[in-house]
Protein backbone atom coordinates (compact mmCIF):
# COMPACT_ATOMS: atom_id res chain seq x y z
CA UNK A 1 3.13 0.21 12.55
CA UNK A 2 3.22 -2.53 9.94
CA UNK A 3 6.96 -2.39 9.16
CA UNK A 4 10.06 -1.24 11.02
CA UNK A 5 13.12 -0.13 9.06
CA UNK A 6 16.65 -0.08 10.42
CA UNK A 7 19.06 2.34 8.74
CA UNK A 8 22.72 2.07 9.69
CA UNK A 9 24.25 5.15 8.06
CA UNK A 10 27.98 4.60 8.51
CA UNK A 11 30.88 6.86 7.67
CA UNK A 12 32.17 4.39 5.06
CA UNK A 13 29.27 2.03 4.28
CA UNK A 14 25.57 1.89 5.06
CA UNK A 15 22.83 -0.74 5.20
CA UNK A 16 19.03 -0.83 5.40
CA UNK A 17 16.86 -3.64 6.78
CA UNK A 18 13.18 -4.06 7.55
CA UNK A 19 11.06 -6.19 9.86
CA UNK A 20 7.34 -6.84 9.41
CA UNK A 21 5.10 -6.63 12.43
CA UNK A 22 3.89 -10.20 12.03
CA UNK A 23 5.32 -13.39 10.59
CA UNK A 24 8.96 -12.45 9.98
CA UNK A 25 11.59 -14.12 12.21
CA UNK A 26 14.52 -11.82 11.43
CA UNK A 27 15.04 -8.45 9.71
CA UNK A 28 15.66 -8.68 5.99
CA UNK A 29 18.34 -6.68 4.19
CA UNK A 30 16.99 -4.21 1.64
CA UNK A 31 19.31 -3.80 -1.37
CA UNK A 32 20.06 -0.20 -2.35
CA UNK A 33 21.46 0.22 -5.86
CA UNK A 34 21.62 -3.60 -5.93
CA UNK A 35 23.99 -3.69 -2.93
CA UNK A 36 23.17 -4.91 0.57
CA UNK A 37 26.00 -2.90 2.11
CA UNK A 38 26.61 0.21 0.02
CA UNK A 39 29.18 3.00 0.07
CA UNK A 40 28.16 6.12 1.97
CA UNK A 41 28.72 8.57 -0.86
CA UNK A 42 26.66 10.78 -3.13
CA UNK A 43 27.33 12.73 -6.30
CA UNK A 44 25.28 15.47 -7.86
CA UNK A 45 25.44 15.43 -11.64
CA UNK A 46 25.58 18.44 -13.91
CA UNK A 47 21.97 17.66 -14.81
CA UNK A 48 20.99 18.03 -11.15
CA UNK A 49 20.36 14.30 -10.69
CA UNK A 50 21.65 12.59 -7.54
CA UNK A 51 23.61 9.33 -7.41
CA UNK A 52 24.44 7.38 -4.26
CA UNK A 53 26.67 4.44 -3.46
CA UNK A 54 29.56 3.07 -5.48
CA UNK A 55 28.44 4.66 -8.74
CA UNK A 56 28.70 8.09 -7.12
CA UNK A 57 32.41 7.51 -6.53
CA UNK A 58 33.47 7.16 -10.14
CA UNK A 59 30.83 8.71 -12.41
CA UNK A 60 32.59 11.17 -14.76
CA UNK A 61 29.58 13.52 -14.92
CA UNK A 62 29.69 14.62 -11.27
CA UNK A 63 29.54 18.34 -10.57
CA UNK A 64 30.16 17.57 -6.89
CA UNK A 65 31.02 14.42 -4.95
CA UNK A 66 30.97 13.81 -1.18
CA UNK A 67 32.16 10.93 1.04
CA UNK A 68 32.89 10.30 4.74
CA UNK A 69 30.67 13.05 6.11
CA UNK A 70 29.06 11.37 9.13
CA UNK A 71 32.28 11.47 11.16
CA UNK A 72 32.27 15.27 10.75
CA UNK A 73 28.71 15.79 12.02
CA UNK A 74 29.74 17.06 15.45
CA UNK A 75 32.54 19.30 14.20
CA UNK A 76 31.48 20.66 10.79
CA UNK A 77 27.95 22.14 10.45
CA UNK A 78 28.13 21.73 6.65
CA UNK A 79 28.13 17.94 7.05
CA UNK A 80 24.41 18.10 7.93
CA UNK A 81 23.73 19.08 4.32
CA UNK A 82 25.71 16.09 3.06
CA UNK A 83 23.91 13.70 5.40
CA UNK A 84 20.53 15.05 4.28
CA UNK A 85 21.44 14.74 0.59
CA UNK A 86 22.65 11.17 0.99
CA UNK A 87 19.71 10.18 3.21
CA UNK A 88 17.32 11.70 0.68
CA UNK A 89 19.00 9.71 -2.08
CA UNK A 90 18.56 6.48 -0.10
CA UNK A 91 14.90 7.28 0.53
CA UNK A 92 14.39 7.92 -3.19
CA UNK A 93 15.98 4.59 -4.07
CA UNK A 94 13.67 2.77 -1.62
CA UNK A 95 10.61 4.36 -3.23
CA UNK A 96 11.80 3.76 -6.80
CA UNK A 97 12.55 0.08 -6.14
CA UNK A 98 9.17 -0.45 -4.45
CA UNK A 99 10.78 -1.31 -1.11
CA UNK A 100 8.86 1.56 0.47
CA UNK A 101 5.39 2.83 -0.42
CA UNK A 102 4.13 6.39 0.00
CA UNK A 103 1.83 6.65 3.00
CA UNK A 104 2.91 3.27 4.38
CA UNK A 105 2.43 2.78 8.13
CA UNK A 106 6.10 2.39 9.05
CA UNK A 107 8.88 3.83 11.16
CA UNK A 108 12.65 4.25 10.67
CA UNK A 109 15.10 3.48 13.45
CA UNK A 110 18.42 5.15 12.64
CA UNK A 111 21.69 4.52 14.44
CA UNK A 112 24.09 6.98 16.03
CA UNK A 113 27.28 6.63 18.12
CA UNK A 114 26.68 5.81 21.77
CA UNK A 115 28.39 9.02 22.90
CA UNK A 116 25.98 11.43 21.19
CA UNK A 117 23.89 13.32 23.72
CA UNK A 118 20.17 14.06 23.50
CA UNK A 119 20.62 17.38 21.70
CA UNK A 120 22.95 15.88 19.08
CA UNK A 121 20.53 13.00 18.50
CA UNK A 122 17.63 15.42 18.03
CA UNK A 123 19.63 17.45 15.51
CA UNK A 124 20.37 14.23 13.67
CA UNK A 125 16.71 13.18 13.70
CA UNK A 126 15.67 16.54 12.25
CA UNK A 127 17.93 15.94 9.23
CA UNK A 128 15.98 12.83 8.26
CA UNK A 129 12.69 14.56 8.95
CA UNK A 130 13.73 17.35 6.57
CA UNK A 131 14.68 14.72 3.97
CA UNK A 132 11.06 13.47 3.96
CA UNK A 133 11.39 10.28 6.02
CA UNK A 134 8.45 8.64 7.79
CA UNK A 135 8.57 8.88 11.62
CA UNK A 136 12.19 8.53 12.80
CA UNK A 137 13.76 7.40 16.06
CA UNK A 138 17.48 7.67 16.80
CA UNK A 139 18.99 4.68 18.63
CA UNK A 140 22.50 3.95 19.87
CA UNK A 141 24.40 1.74 17.40
CA UNK A 142 25.98 -0.27 20.21
CA UNK A 143 22.57 -1.06 21.72
CA UNK A 144 21.29 -2.08 18.29
CA UNK A 145 24.28 -4.38 17.76
CA UNK A 146 23.60 -6.10 21.09
CA UNK A 147 19.89 -6.54 20.27
CA UNK A 148 20.95 -8.08 16.96
CA UNK A 149 23.13 -10.60 18.79
CA UNK A 150 20.34 -11.53 21.17
CA UNK A 151 17.84 -12.05 18.35
CA UNK A 152 20.17 -13.83 15.94
CA UNK A 153 19.80 -17.55 15.34
CA UNK A 154 23.59 -17.75 14.88
CA UNK A 155 24.25 -17.24 18.61
CA UNK A 156 23.41 -19.30 21.66
CA UNK A 157 22.79 -16.10 23.61
CA UNK A 158 19.72 -15.99 25.80
CA UNK A 159 17.47 -12.96 26.11
CA UNK A 160 18.55 -12.63 29.74
CA UNK A 161 21.90 -11.34 28.49
CA UNK A 162 20.21 -7.94 28.29
CA UNK A 163 20.24 -7.95 32.09
CA UNK A 164 23.90 -8.98 32.29
CA UNK A 165 27.00 -6.78 32.00
CA UNK A 166 28.09 -6.51 28.37
CA UNK A 167 30.83 -4.52 26.66
CA UNK A 168 30.03 -3.67 23.03
CA UNK A 169 33.05 -2.85 20.87
CA UNK A 170 31.85 -1.20 17.67
CA UNK A 171 34.79 -0.66 15.32
CA UNK A 172 33.91 1.30 12.24
CA UNK A 173 36.08 2.81 9.55
CA UNK A 174 36.75 6.06 11.44
CA UNK A 175 36.04 5.45 15.12
CA UNK A 176 35.79 2.75 17.75
CA UNK A 177 32.97 3.01 20.27
CA UNK A 178 33.08 1.18 23.61
CA UNK A 179 29.69 0.96 25.31
CA UNK A 180 28.96 -0.79 28.60
CA UNK A 181 25.41 -2.07 29.01
CA UNK A 182 24.14 -3.50 32.31
CA UNK A 183 20.49 -3.99 33.25
CA UNK A 184 19.43 -1.76 30.38
CA UNK A 185 21.70 1.12 31.40
CA UNK A 186 24.17 2.17 28.73
CA UNK A 187 27.37 4.11 29.36
CA UNK A 188 29.82 5.22 26.69
CA UNK A 189 33.42 4.65 27.76
CA UNK A 190 36.02 7.15 26.58
CA UNK A 191 39.59 6.03 25.96
CA UNK A 192 41.85 9.04 26.48
CA UNK A 193 40.85 10.57 23.16
CA UNK A 194 41.62 7.50 21.05
CA UNK A 195 38.05 7.11 19.82
CA UNK A 196 39.43 8.05 16.38
CA UNK A 197 40.92 4.57 16.04
CA UNK A 198 39.18 2.85 13.14
CA UNK A 199 39.70 0.21 10.51
CA UNK A 200 40.16 2.97 7.93
CA UNK A 201 43.71 3.45 9.21
CA UNK A 202 44.60 -0.03 7.99
CA UNK A 203 42.89 0.71 4.67
CA UNK A 204 45.08 3.79 4.23
CA UNK A 205 48.25 1.83 5.06
CA UNK A 206 47.32 -0.94 2.62
CA UNK A 207 46.56 1.55 -0.14
CA UNK A 208 49.77 3.53 0.46
CA UNK A 209 51.82 0.32 0.26
CA UNK A 210 50.14 -0.60 -3.04
CA UNK A 211 50.79 2.85 -4.52
CA UNK A 212 54.42 2.76 -3.43
CA UNK A 213 54.89 -0.63 -5.11
CA UNK A 214 53.28 0.52 -8.39
CA UNK A 215 55.42 1.63 -11.33
CA UNK A 216 52.78 4.33 -11.94
CA UNK A 217 53.08 5.65 -8.39
CA UNK A 218 53.66 9.29 -9.36
CA UNK A 219 50.73 9.36 -11.81
CA UNK A 220 48.44 7.72 -9.24
CA UNK A 221 49.45 10.20 -6.56
CA UNK A 222 48.69 13.02 -9.00
CA UNK A 223 45.21 11.61 -9.63
CA UNK A 224 44.60 11.35 -5.88
CA UNK A 225 45.76 14.92 -5.34
CA UNK A 226 43.49 16.26 -8.09
CA UNK A 227 40.52 14.02 -7.26
CA UNK A 228 40.27 13.03 -3.56
CA UNK A 229 37.12 10.93 -4.22
CA UNK A 230 39.25 8.55 -6.30
CA UNK A 231 41.56 8.03 -3.35
CA UNK A 232 38.51 7.38 -1.16
CA UNK A 233 37.19 4.89 -3.70
CA UNK A 234 40.53 3.05 -3.69
CA UNK A 235 40.45 3.02 0.12
CA UNK A 236 37.06 1.27 -0.07
CA UNK A 237 38.61 -1.31 -2.41
CA UNK A 238 41.43 -1.77 0.11
CA UNK A 239 38.86 -2.21 2.86
CA UNK A 240 37.04 -4.97 0.97
CA UNK A 241 40.33 -6.74 0.28
CA UNK A 242 41.40 -6.49 3.93
CA UNK A 243 38.06 -7.88 5.16
CA UNK A 244 38.14 -10.67 2.57
CA UNK A 245 41.57 -11.72 3.85
CA UNK A 246 40.81 -11.48 7.57
CA UNK A 247 37.43 -13.25 7.22
CA UNK A 248 39.30 -16.46 6.31
CA UNK A 249 42.92 -15.98 7.32
CA UNK A 250 43.56 -19.72 7.40
CA UNK A 251 42.56 -20.12 3.75
CA UNK A 252 44.91 -17.36 2.63
CA UNK A 253 47.88 -18.67 4.59
CA UNK A 254 50.75 -18.88 2.11
CA UNK A 255 48.67 -17.19 -0.64
CA UNK A 256 48.22 -13.67 -1.97
CA UNK A 257 44.74 -12.14 -1.76
CA UNK A 258 44.62 -9.64 -4.62
CA UNK A 259 42.43 -6.74 -5.73
CA UNK A 260 42.94 -4.59 -8.83
CA UNK A 261 41.47 -1.12 -9.34
CA UNK A 262 41.47 0.57 -12.75
CA UNK A 263 41.81 4.35 -12.33
CA UNK A 264 40.78 6.45 -15.37
CA UNK A 265 43.27 9.12 -16.32
CA UNK A 266 44.22 11.20 -19.36
CA UNK A 267 47.03 9.66 -21.40
CA UNK A 268 49.17 12.72 -20.74
CA UNK A 269 49.02 12.16 -16.97
CA UNK A 270 50.26 8.61 -17.33
CA UNK A 271 53.08 9.24 -19.82
CA UNK A 272 54.03 12.79 -18.95
CA UNK A 273 53.73 13.83 -22.60
CA UNK A 274 51.69 16.83 -23.62
CA UNK A 275 48.32 15.84 -25.03
CA UNK A 276 47.54 16.30 -28.68
CA UNK A 277 44.29 17.61 -30.09
CA UNK A 278 42.49 14.52 -28.77
CA UNK A 279 43.18 13.41 -25.19
CA UNK A 280 42.95 9.66 -25.28
CA UNK A 281 41.45 8.26 -22.06
CA UNK A 282 43.56 5.63 -20.38
CA UNK A 283 43.71 3.71 -17.13
CA UNK A 284 46.22 3.27 -14.35
CA UNK A 285 46.25 -0.26 -12.96
CA UNK A 286 46.64 -0.38 -9.19
CA UNK A 287 47.05 -3.82 -7.64
CA UNK A 288 46.66 -4.34 -3.90
CA UNK A 289 47.84 -7.44 -2.09
CA UNK A 290 47.01 -8.93 1.31
CA UNK A 291 49.14 -11.75 2.73
CA UNK A 292 50.72 -12.71 6.06
CA UNK A 293 53.47 -10.13 5.70
CA UNK A 294 51.06 -7.30 4.90
CA UNK A 295 48.69 -8.34 7.70
CA UNK A 296 51.53 -8.11 10.21
CA UNK A 297 52.50 -4.72 8.80
CA UNK A 298 48.96 -3.35 9.17
CA UNK A 299 48.68 -4.50 12.77
CA UNK A 300 52.20 -4.14 14.13
CA UNK A 301 53.99 -1.38 12.18
CA UNK A 302 54.07 2.20 13.54
CA UNK A 303 51.46 4.36 11.79
CA UNK A 304 51.77 8.13 11.29
CA UNK A 305 47.99 8.44 11.85
CA UNK A 306 48.54 7.06 15.37
CA UNK A 307 51.51 9.27 16.22
CA UNK A 308 54.01 6.53 15.53
CA UNK A 309 52.24 3.77 17.45
CA UNK A 310 50.88 0.61 15.89
CA UNK A 311 47.22 -0.30 15.52
CA UNK A 312 47.73 -3.11 18.03
CA UNK A 313 49.40 -0.88 20.61
CA UNK A 314 46.59 1.67 20.53
CA UNK A 315 43.79 -0.90 20.61
CA UNK A 316 45.34 -2.90 23.47
CA UNK A 317 45.96 0.31 25.42
CA UNK A 318 42.28 1.21 24.97
CA UNK A 319 41.20 -2.21 26.26
CA UNK A 320 43.43 -1.87 29.33
CA UNK A 321 42.01 1.57 30.05
CA UNK A 322 38.43 0.30 29.67
CA UNK A 323 39.12 -2.59 32.04
CA UNK A 324 40.62 -0.25 34.63
CA UNK A 325 37.54 1.98 34.49
CA UNK A 326 35.12 -0.93 34.82
CA UNK A 327 37.07 -2.42 37.71
CA UNK A 328 37.05 0.88 39.63
CA UNK A 329 33.71 1.43 41.41
CA UNK A 330 34.52 5.13 41.90
CA UNK A 331 34.36 5.68 38.13
CA UNK A 332 30.64 4.88 38.11
CA UNK A 333 30.89 3.10 34.76
CA UNK A 334 31.29 -0.44 35.94
CA UNK A 335 29.06 -0.60 38.98
CA UNK A 336 26.68 -3.50 39.28
CA UNK A 337 23.17 -2.97 40.67
CA UNK A 338 24.40 -4.31 44.01
CA UNK A 339 27.43 -2.01 44.08
CA UNK A 340 31.11 -2.69 43.52
CA UNK A 341 32.87 -3.41 40.25
CA UNK A 342 31.29 -5.60 37.63
CA UNK A 343 33.45 -6.56 34.67
CA UNK A 344 31.60 -7.65 31.52
CA UNK A 345 30.57 -11.27 31.12
CA UNK A 346 30.21 -10.82 27.37
CA UNK A 347 32.20 -8.83 24.82
CA UNK A 348 30.27 -8.32 21.60
CA UNK A 349 32.34 -7.15 18.64
CA UNK A 350 30.70 -5.51 15.67
CA UNK A 351 31.81 -3.60 12.60
CA UNK A 352 33.72 -4.90 9.58
CA UNK A 353 37.03 -5.10 11.44
CA UNK A 354 35.54 -7.54 13.96
CA UNK A 355 36.24 -10.29 11.41
CA UNK A 356 39.91 -10.12 12.37
CA UNK A 357 40.94 -13.09 14.55
CA UNK A 358 43.70 -10.96 16.11
CA UNK A 359 41.14 -8.44 17.35
CA UNK A 360 39.22 -11.16 19.15
CA UNK A 361 42.44 -12.53 20.63
CA UNK A 362 43.39 -9.12 22.04
CA UNK A 363 39.93 -8.82 23.63
CA UNK A 364 40.25 -12.26 25.23
CA UNK A 365 43.64 -11.34 26.66
CA UNK A 366 42.25 -8.12 28.16
CA UNK A 367 39.04 -9.74 29.48
CA UNK A 368 39.82 -13.44 30.08
CA UNK A 369 36.67 -13.88 32.21
CA UNK A 370 34.35 -12.80 29.37
CA UNK A 371 32.90 -14.63 26.39
CA UNK A 372 33.89 -12.89 23.14
CA UNK A 373 31.52 -13.15 20.18
CA UNK A 374 31.05 -11.46 16.83
CA UNK A 375 28.36 -11.66 14.18
CA UNK A 376 28.48 -13.79 11.05
CA UNK A 377 27.65 -10.67 9.02
CA UNK A 378 28.88 -7.75 11.13
CA UNK A 379 28.16 -5.26 8.36
CA UNK A 380 24.43 -5.86 8.99
CA UNK A 381 24.37 -6.31 12.78
CA UNK A 382 23.53 -2.68 13.58
CA UNK A 383 20.84 -2.27 10.91
CA UNK A 384 19.20 -5.57 11.89
CA UNK A 385 19.28 -4.62 15.57
CA UNK A 386 17.74 -1.23 14.76
CA UNK A 387 14.84 -2.91 12.96
């Protein structure tokens, strides 16, 4: 093999990297539709053409539009079709941009949640094979994230960490995976069914607050009801705003971090008047705001998606449950090679939400004996580790 590609196909955003066999110190990000990290979405136009990424979310010529399908892979058989269509679109973009050449001696390493078993991983691999990919291997995303940390020049983490007990916390938009890795052995750790905890919950809360504060709230809700992809697109905008704020919370102290989304709508939907012969296109202006008050609301306020508990309560409860399992030798999860319990010496946080200082603080409180680290660019840690 001359080149190794890493493809992190996430439920909300995806990324592709590559590493040459010789002479390249770190994997390089491959832009797709001019974006390093691009929205996991595709649209099929009335002409039959396929669009992927952000453009697929708002193109007016879409006959069909699909988002957030990876999280449904284990529960909805139809999601395999969506994954194949999106993966095929990514492959086409790589060929068209010259980032991949037909017949090239290469291999794709594609990530999956740590909890997927061998059969589920093989089903997933077959999707990419059917989409026309070069040879494919399916690798745990948590293992890839840890490899990325070990290889990165941003960390003072020695290669021997791969033989030490590590807890990888991979928080995506829909789920949070906890994986314990010790001496090369990886064990997924369940948390009483709360694996559905993801940063997307905060995105929904932020978007709902912005809609409620808008004078066009009823018209916006109507657009969302008639076109769910537009709500998903606005959730992505909320996600970017949230990550921008939490990536430098000190800078934004006392300031408002703002994001405006222009939502196309017929004039009649905005004003309530019946349209004339010509329906004049218009826009609804939705402004979202992140500040200290909103940050506290996202983390501390009860959320209907979490059965009335707050994001912090659920995450801290998960950490306590993970610690109890690792400290109990009878569970089998936390045993060291010499027997007995073996709590992690390192907690590695990955995923966009890992930028949040509060998240790192909660991990330190739950595991005071461990070093807690996160990547400088967590959106690329899995794809780089895969490569």
